[in-house]
Amino acid sequence: MKYTFIIAFVILFAISCTNDPADNEQPEKKENVAGIAGVNKSYTGKVVLYYDNGQLKHEENLYEGIKHGKYLDWFKCGQKKTEGQYVYGKRNGKWVWWHENGKECYEVDYSNGIAYGIALDQNKYLAIN
């Protein structure tokens, strides 16, 4: 009788340890490498943010929490503000910024996060590097 009680206790204890509800919970969401609050550090996929008025504000792609892929920002009025590309957290290729009126502000070419070439700024050319 004593052994039956001990065996039953051990079985019940083992069963209660294997079905931990915490194992079924989603990982805690924290600020990620890209700085978007509420996105898990290891998140891979698209992040889209909206203004209070429902207008698109920001769109970017992450790979394991790091900016990777197309990056876009818009003004509250809906006009595009920034467009560029990230490769593993570093700006790459042509980046363009616009004024709120839709006129191009400037553009810069990047390679591995470093700006190079010539930037167009209000119809003036500025040498970079």
N, C-alpha and C. Protein backbone atom coordinates (compact mmCIF):
# COMPACT_ATOMS: atom_id res chain seq x y z
N MET A 1 0.82 -1.18 0.00
CA MET A 1 0.00 0.00 0.00
C MET A 1 0.87 1.26 0.00
N LYS A 2 1.93 1.21 0.82
CA LYS A 2 2.84 2.33 0.91
C LYS A 2 3.51 2.57 -0.45
N TYR A 3 3.94 1.49 -1.12
CA TYR A 3 4.61 1.60 -2.41
C TYR A 3 3.65 2.10 -3.49
N THR A 4 2.40 1.70 -3.44
CA THR A 4 1.40 2.15 -4.40
C THR A 4 1.22 3.66 -4.30
N PHE A 5 1.17 4.17 -3.07
CA PHE A 5 1.03 5.59 -2.84
C PHE A 5 2.24 6.36 -3.39
N ILE A 6 3.43 5.86 -3.15
CA ILE A 6 4.65 6.51 -3.61
C ILE A 6 4.71 6.50 -5.14
N ILE A 7 4.37 5.38 -5.75
CA ILE A 7 4.38 5.28 -7.22
C ILE A 7 3.35 6.23 -7.81
N ALA A 8 2.16 6.30 -7.24
CA ALA A 8 1.12 7.21 -7.73
C ALA A 8 1.58 8.66 -7.60
N PHE A 9 2.23 8.99 -6.50
CA PHE A 9 2.73 10.34 -6.28
C PHE A 9 3.79 10.70 -7.31
N VAL A 10 4.71 9.80 -7.58
CA VAL A 10 5.78 10.04 -8.56
C VAL A 10 5.19 10.22 -9.96
N ILE A 11 4.20 9.42 -10.33
CA ILE A 11 3.57 9.53 -11.65
C ILE A 11 2.85 10.87 -11.79
N LEU A 12 2.08 11.25 -10.78
CA LEU A 12 1.37 12.53 -10.81
C LEU A 12 2.36 13.71 -10.89
N PHE A 13 3.43 13.64 -10.15
CA PHE A 13 4.44 14.68 -10.17
C PHE A 13 5.08 14.80 -11.55
N ALA A 14 5.40 13.67 -12.16
CA ALA A 14 6.03 13.67 -13.48
C ALA A 14 5.08 14.25 -14.53
N ILE A 15 3.80 13.91 -14.46
CA ILE A 15 2.82 14.41 -15.41
C ILE A 15 2.66 15.92 -15.26
N SER A 16 2.63 16.42 -14.03
CA SER A 16 2.45 17.86 -13.82
C SER A 16 3.66 18.65 -14.31
N CYS A 17 4.83 18.07 -14.29
CA CYS A 17 6.04 18.76 -14.75
C CYS A 17 6.15 18.80 -16.26
N THR A 18 5.56 17.85 -16.96
CA THR A 18 5.71 17.80 -18.42
C THR A 18 4.75 18.72 -19.14
N ASN A 19 3.68 19.14 -18.54
CA ASN A 19 2.70 19.99 -19.20
C ASN A 19 2.71 21.38 -18.60
N ASP A 20 3.83 22.07 -18.74
CA ASP A 20 3.98 23.41 -18.19
C ASP A 20 3.31 24.41 -19.13
N PRO A 21 2.31 25.18 -18.65
CA PRO A 21 1.63 26.13 -19.52
C PRO A 21 2.57 27.19 -20.09
N ALA A 22 3.66 27.47 -19.40
CA ALA A 22 4.61 28.46 -19.90
C ALA A 22 5.25 28.01 -21.20
N ASP A 23 5.33 26.70 -21.43
CA ASP A 23 5.91 26.19 -22.67
C ASP A 23 5.06 26.55 -23.88
N ASN A 24 3.78 26.78 -23.69
CA ASN A 24 2.87 27.08 -24.78
C ASN A 24 2.75 28.57 -25.06
N GLU A 25 3.34 29.42 -24.22
CA GLU A 25 3.23 30.86 -24.40
C GLU A 25 4.18 31.33 -25.49
N GLN A 26 3.81 32.45 -26.12
CA GLN A 26 4.69 33.08 -27.11
C GLN A 26 5.86 33.72 -26.38
N PRO A 27 7.02 33.83 -27.02
CA PRO A 27 8.15 34.50 -26.38
C PRO A 27 7.80 35.94 -26.07
N GLU A 28 8.40 36.48 -25.03
CA GLU A 28 8.14 37.86 -24.64
C GLU A 28 8.62 38.78 -25.77
N LYS A 29 7.77 39.74 -26.12
CA LYS A 29 8.14 40.68 -27.17
C LYS A 29 8.88 41.85 -26.54
N LYS A 30 10.03 42.15 -27.12
CA LYS A 30 10.87 43.24 -26.63
C LYS A 30 11.29 44.09 -27.81
N GLU A 31 11.95 45.20 -27.53
CA GLU A 31 12.46 46.03 -28.61
C GLU A 31 13.57 45.27 -29.31
N ASN A 32 13.52 45.25 -30.63
CA ASN A 32 14.49 44.45 -31.37
C ASN A 32 15.67 45.29 -31.84
N VAL A 33 16.57 44.66 -32.54
CA VAL A 33 17.76 45.33 -33.06
C VAL A 33 17.36 46.49 -33.94
N ALA A 34 16.29 46.33 -34.68
CA ALA A 34 15.85 47.38 -35.60
C ALA A 34 15.17 48.53 -34.87
N GLY A 35 14.88 48.38 -33.60
CA GLY A 35 14.30 49.47 -32.82
C GLY A 35 12.79 49.56 -32.90
N ILE A 36 12.11 48.56 -33.39
CA ILE A 36 10.66 48.57 -33.46
C ILE A 36 10.13 47.93 -32.19
N ALA A 37 9.48 48.73 -31.34
CA ALA A 37 8.96 48.21 -30.08
C ALA A 37 7.88 47.16 -30.36
N GLY A 38 7.87 46.11 -29.57
CA GLY A 38 6.84 45.09 -29.66
C GLY A 38 7.14 43.98 -30.65
N VAL A 39 8.29 44.00 -31.28
CA VAL A 39 8.65 42.94 -32.22
C VAL A 39 9.75 42.10 -31.59
N ASN A 40 9.57 40.80 -31.62
CA ASN A 40 10.53 39.87 -31.03
C ASN A 40 11.90 40.00 -31.70
N LYS A 41 12.97 39.88 -30.90
CA LYS A 41 14.34 40.03 -31.42
C LYS A 41 14.65 39.10 -32.58
N SER A 42 14.09 37.93 -32.59
CA SER A 42 14.41 36.97 -33.65
C SER A 42 13.37 36.99 -34.77
N TYR A 43 12.52 38.01 -34.84
CA TYR A 43 11.45 38.08 -35.83
C TYR A 43 12.02 38.18 -37.25
N THR A 44 11.44 37.42 -38.15
CA THR A 44 11.77 37.50 -39.57
C THR A 44 10.46 37.76 -40.31
N GLY A 45 10.43 38.82 -41.08
CA GLY A 45 9.22 39.15 -41.83
C GLY A 45 9.06 40.65 -41.98
N LYS A 46 7.88 41.06 -42.40
CA LYS A 46 7.58 42.46 -42.66
C LYS A 46 7.02 43.13 -41.42
N VAL A 47 7.46 44.37 -41.17
CA VAL A 47 6.93 45.21 -40.09
C VAL A 47 6.26 46.40 -40.76
N VAL A 48 4.99 46.64 -40.41
CA VAL A 48 4.24 47.75 -40.98
C VAL A 48 3.65 48.57 -39.85
N LEU A 49 3.87 49.89 -39.89
CA LEU A 49 3.33 50.80 -38.89
C LEU A 49 2.41 51.81 -39.57
N TYR A 50 1.38 52.26 -38.83
CA TYR A 50 0.41 53.21 -39.36
C TYR A 50 0.31 54.43 -38.45
N TYR A 51 -0.03 55.58 -39.05
CA TYR A 51 -0.35 56.77 -38.26
C TYR A 51 -1.72 56.56 -37.61
N ASP A 52 -2.05 57.44 -36.65
CA ASP A 52 -3.35 57.36 -35.97
C ASP A 52 -4.52 57.49 -36.95
N ASN A 53 -4.31 58.21 -38.05
CA ASN A 53 -5.37 58.40 -39.04
C ASN A 53 -5.52 57.21 -39.99
N GLY A 54 -4.71 56.15 -39.77
CA GLY A 54 -4.79 54.96 -40.60
C GLY A 54 -3.85 54.97 -41.79
N GLN A 55 -3.20 56.11 -42.03
CA GLN A 55 -2.26 56.24 -43.14
C GLN A 55 -1.00 55.43 -42.86
N LEU A 56 -0.47 54.79 -43.88
CA LEU A 56 0.77 54.03 -43.78
C LEU A 56 1.90 54.96 -43.36
N LYS A 57 2.70 54.52 -42.37
CA LYS A 57 3.80 55.33 -41.84
C LYS A 57 5.16 54.73 -42.17
N HIS A 58 5.28 53.42 -42.03
CA HIS A 58 6.59 52.79 -42.12
C HIS A 58 6.43 51.33 -42.53
N GLU A 59 7.35 50.87 -43.38
CA GLU A 59 7.35 49.46 -43.77
C GLU A 59 8.80 49.02 -43.95
N GLU A 60 9.14 47.91 -43.32
CA GLU A 60 10.49 47.37 -43.47
C GLU A 60 10.46 45.87 -43.30
N ASN A 61 11.51 45.23 -43.73
CA ASN A 61 11.65 43.79 -43.59
C ASN A 61 12.77 43.50 -42.60
N LEU A 62 12.57 42.48 -41.79
CA LEU A 62 13.57 42.07 -40.82
C LEU A 62 13.96 40.63 -41.06
N TYR A 63 15.21 40.33 -40.78
CA TYR A 63 15.69 38.95 -40.80
C TYR A 63 16.34 38.71 -39.44
N GLU A 64 15.70 37.89 -38.63
CA GLU A 64 16.14 37.60 -37.27
C GLU A 64 16.38 38.90 -36.49
N GLY A 65 15.44 39.85 -36.64
CA GLY A 65 15.48 41.10 -35.91
C GLY A 65 16.37 42.17 -36.50
N ILE A 66 17.01 41.89 -37.63
CA ILE A 66 17.91 42.85 -38.25
C ILE A 66 17.28 43.35 -39.55
N LYS A 67 17.37 44.65 -39.80
CA LYS A 67 16.83 45.22 -41.03
C LYS A 67 17.49 44.56 -42.23
N HIS A 68 16.64 44.04 -43.13
CA HIS A 68 17.16 43.36 -44.31
C HIS A 68 16.08 43.37 -45.38
N GLY A 69 16.33 44.13 -46.43
CA GLY A 69 15.34 44.24 -47.49
C GLY A 69 14.87 45.67 -47.65
N LYS A 70 13.77 45.83 -48.35
CA LYS A 70 13.23 47.15 -48.67
C LYS A 70 12.81 47.90 -47.41
N TYR A 71 13.07 49.22 -47.41
CA TYR A 71 12.73 50.10 -46.29
C TYR A 71 11.98 51.30 -46.86
N LEU A 72 10.82 51.61 -46.29
CA LEU A 72 10.00 52.73 -46.76
C LEU A 72 9.42 53.51 -45.58
N ASP A 73 9.38 54.84 -45.73
CA ASP A 73 8.71 55.73 -44.77
C ASP A 73 7.80 56.66 -45.56
N TRP A 74 6.68 57.08 -44.92
CA TRP A 74 5.76 58.03 -45.53
C TRP A 74 5.47 59.15 -44.55
N PHE A 75 5.15 60.33 -45.10
CA PHE A 75 4.64 61.43 -44.29
C PHE A 75 3.19 61.13 -43.92
N LYS A 76 2.67 61.86 -42.93
CA LYS A 76 1.30 61.64 -42.47
C LYS A 76 0.28 61.91 -43.58
N CYS A 77 0.64 62.77 -44.52
CA CYS A 77 -0.26 63.10 -45.64
C CYS A 77 -0.31 61.99 -46.68
N GLY A 78 0.58 61.00 -46.58
CA GLY A 78 0.60 59.89 -47.53
C GLY A 78 1.72 59.96 -48.55
N GLN A 79 2.42 61.09 -48.60
CA GLN A 79 3.55 61.25 -49.52
C GLN A 79 4.74 60.43 -49.05
N LYS A 80 5.42 59.77 -49.98
CA LYS A 80 6.59 58.97 -49.62
C LYS A 80 7.69 59.89 -49.08
N LYS A 81 8.35 59.43 -48.02
CA LYS A 81 9.40 60.21 -47.34
C LYS A 81 10.79 59.63 -47.60
N THR A 82 10.93 58.31 -47.49
CA THR A 82 12.23 57.64 -47.63
C THR A 82 12.04 56.30 -48.32
N GLU A 83 13.00 55.96 -49.18
CA GLU A 83 13.00 54.63 -49.79
C GLU A 83 14.44 54.17 -49.92
N GLY A 84 14.69 52.94 -49.50
CA GLY A 84 16.03 52.39 -49.60
C GLY A 84 16.04 50.90 -49.37
N GLN A 85 17.22 50.36 -49.24
CA GLN A 85 17.40 48.92 -49.08
C GLN A 85 18.45 48.66 -48.00
N TYR A 86 18.16 47.68 -47.13
CA TYR A 86 19.13 47.23 -46.15
C TYR A 86 19.61 45.83 -46.52
N VAL A 87 20.87 45.56 -46.26
CA VAL A 87 21.42 44.22 -46.40
C VAL A 87 22.08 43.89 -45.06
N TYR A 88 21.45 43.00 -44.32
CA TYR A 88 21.92 42.59 -43.00
C TYR A 88 22.27 43.78 -42.11
N GLY A 89 21.33 44.74 -42.03
CA GLY A 89 21.46 45.85 -41.10
C GLY A 89 22.24 47.05 -41.62
N LYS A 90 22.72 46.99 -42.85
CA LYS A 90 23.49 48.10 -43.41
C LYS A 90 22.82 48.62 -44.67
N ARG A 91 22.78 49.96 -44.80
CA ARG A 91 22.21 50.55 -46.02
C ARG A 91 23.02 50.09 -47.23
N ASN A 92 22.29 49.84 -48.32
CA ASN A 92 22.94 49.38 -49.53
C ASN A 92 22.18 49.89 -50.73
N GLY A 93 22.90 50.31 -51.77
CA GLY A 93 22.24 50.79 -52.98
C GLY A 93 21.77 52.22 -52.86
N LYS A 94 20.86 52.60 -53.75
CA LYS A 94 20.36 53.97 -53.83
C LYS A 94 19.29 54.22 -52.76
N TRP A 95 19.47 55.28 -51.97
CA TRP A 95 18.48 55.74 -51.00
C TRP A 95 17.99 57.10 -51.44
N VAL A 96 16.67 57.32 -51.34
CA VAL A 96 16.07 58.58 -51.76
C VAL A 96 15.20 59.12 -50.64
N TRP A 97 15.28 60.46 -50.42
CA TRP A 97 14.44 61.15 -49.46
C TRP A 97 13.67 62.23 -50.20
N TRP A 98 12.41 62.45 -49.82
CA TRP A 98 11.56 63.45 -50.43
C TRP A 98 11.08 64.46 -49.40
N HIS A 99 10.71 65.65 -49.90
CA HIS A 99 10.03 66.64 -49.09
C HIS A 99 8.56 66.25 -48.99
N GLU A 100 7.85 66.85 -48.06
CA GLU A 100 6.44 66.53 -47.89
C GLU A 100 5.62 66.93 -49.11
N ASN A 101 6.10 67.89 -49.89
CA ASN A 101 5.38 68.31 -51.10
C ASN A 101 5.61 67.36 -52.28
N GLY A 102 6.43 66.31 -52.09
CA GLY A 102 6.68 65.32 -53.13
C GLY A 102 7.93 65.56 -53.94
N LYS A 103 8.56 66.71 -53.75
CA LYS A 103 9.79 67.02 -54.48
C LYS A 103 10.96 66.26 -53.85
N GLU A 104 11.79 65.67 -54.71
CA GLU A 104 12.93 64.91 -54.19
C GLU A 104 13.86 65.85 -53.42
N CYS A 105 14.25 65.42 -52.25
CA CYS A 105 15.14 66.21 -51.38
C CYS A 105 16.58 65.88 -51.71
N TYR A 106 16.95 64.61 -51.60
CA TYR A 106 18.29 64.16 -51.98
C TYR A 106 18.33 62.66 -52.10
N GLU A 107 19.38 62.18 -52.75
CA GLU A 107 19.60 60.75 -52.89
C GLU A 107 21.07 60.45 -52.64
N VAL A 108 21.31 59.28 -52.07
CA VAL A 108 22.67 58.88 -51.72
C VAL A 108 22.84 57.41 -52.07
N ASP A 109 23.98 57.05 -52.61
CA ASP A 109 24.31 55.65 -52.86
C ASP A 109 25.12 55.11 -51.69
N TYR A 110 24.78 53.90 -51.27
CA TYR A 110 25.47 53.25 -50.15
C TYR A 110 26.03 51.90 -50.60
N SER A 111 27.14 51.55 -49.99
CA SER A 111 27.70 50.22 -50.16
C SER A 111 28.14 49.73 -48.80
N ASN A 112 27.52 48.66 -48.34
CA ASN A 112 27.85 48.08 -47.04
C ASN A 112 27.77 49.10 -45.91
N GLY A 113 26.76 49.98 -45.98
CA GLY A 113 26.53 50.96 -44.92
C GLY A 113 27.30 52.26 -45.06
N ILE A 114 28.14 52.37 -46.08
CA ILE A 114 28.96 53.57 -46.27
C ILE A 114 28.46 54.34 -47.49
N ALA A 115 28.21 55.65 -47.29
CA ALA A 115 27.76 56.51 -48.39
C ALA A 115 28.94 56.79 -49.31
N TYR A 116 28.65 56.84 -50.62
CA TYR A 116 29.69 57.15 -51.59
C TYR A 116 29.08 57.84 -52.80
N GLY A 117 29.92 58.40 -53.63
CA GLY A 117 29.45 58.99 -54.88
C GLY A 117 29.02 60.43 -54.70
N ILE A 118 27.92 60.79 -55.36
CA ILE A 118 27.41 62.15 -55.36
C ILE A 118 25.98 62.13 -54.87
N ALA A 119 25.66 63.06 -53.96
CA ALA A 119 24.30 63.19 -53.44
C ALA A 119 23.65 64.40 -54.06
N LEU A 120 22.39 64.28 -54.44
CA LEU A 120 21.62 65.40 -54.96
C LEU A 120 20.87 66.02 -53.79
N ASP A 121 21.14 67.29 -53.51
CA ASP A 121 20.49 67.97 -52.40
C ASP A 121 19.99 69.32 -52.88
N GLN A 122 18.69 69.44 -53.07
CA GLN A 122 18.07 70.69 -53.51
C GLN A 122 18.76 71.22 -54.78
N ASN A 123 18.96 70.34 -55.76
CA ASN A 123 19.56 70.66 -57.06
C ASN A 123 21.04 71.02 -56.98
N LYS A 124 21.68 70.75 -55.88
CA LYS A 124 23.13 70.96 -55.75
C LYS A 124 23.77 69.60 -55.56
N TYR A 125 24.88 69.38 -56.21
CA TYR A 125 25.57 68.11 -56.08
C TYR A 125 26.63 68.21 -54.98
N LEU A 126 26.62 67.26 -54.09
CA LEU A 126 27.57 67.22 -52.99
C LEU A 126 28.41 65.97 -53.10
N ALA A 127 29.71 66.10 -53.10
CA ALA A 127 30.59 64.94 -53.17
C ALA A 127 30.61 64.24 -51.82
N ILE A 128 30.55 62.92 -51.83
CA ILE A 128 30.63 62.12 -50.60
C ILE A 128 31.82 61.19 -50.74
N ASN A 129 32.68 61.21 -49.75
CA ASN A 129 33.93 60.41 -49.73
C ASN A 129 34.80 60.86 -50.85
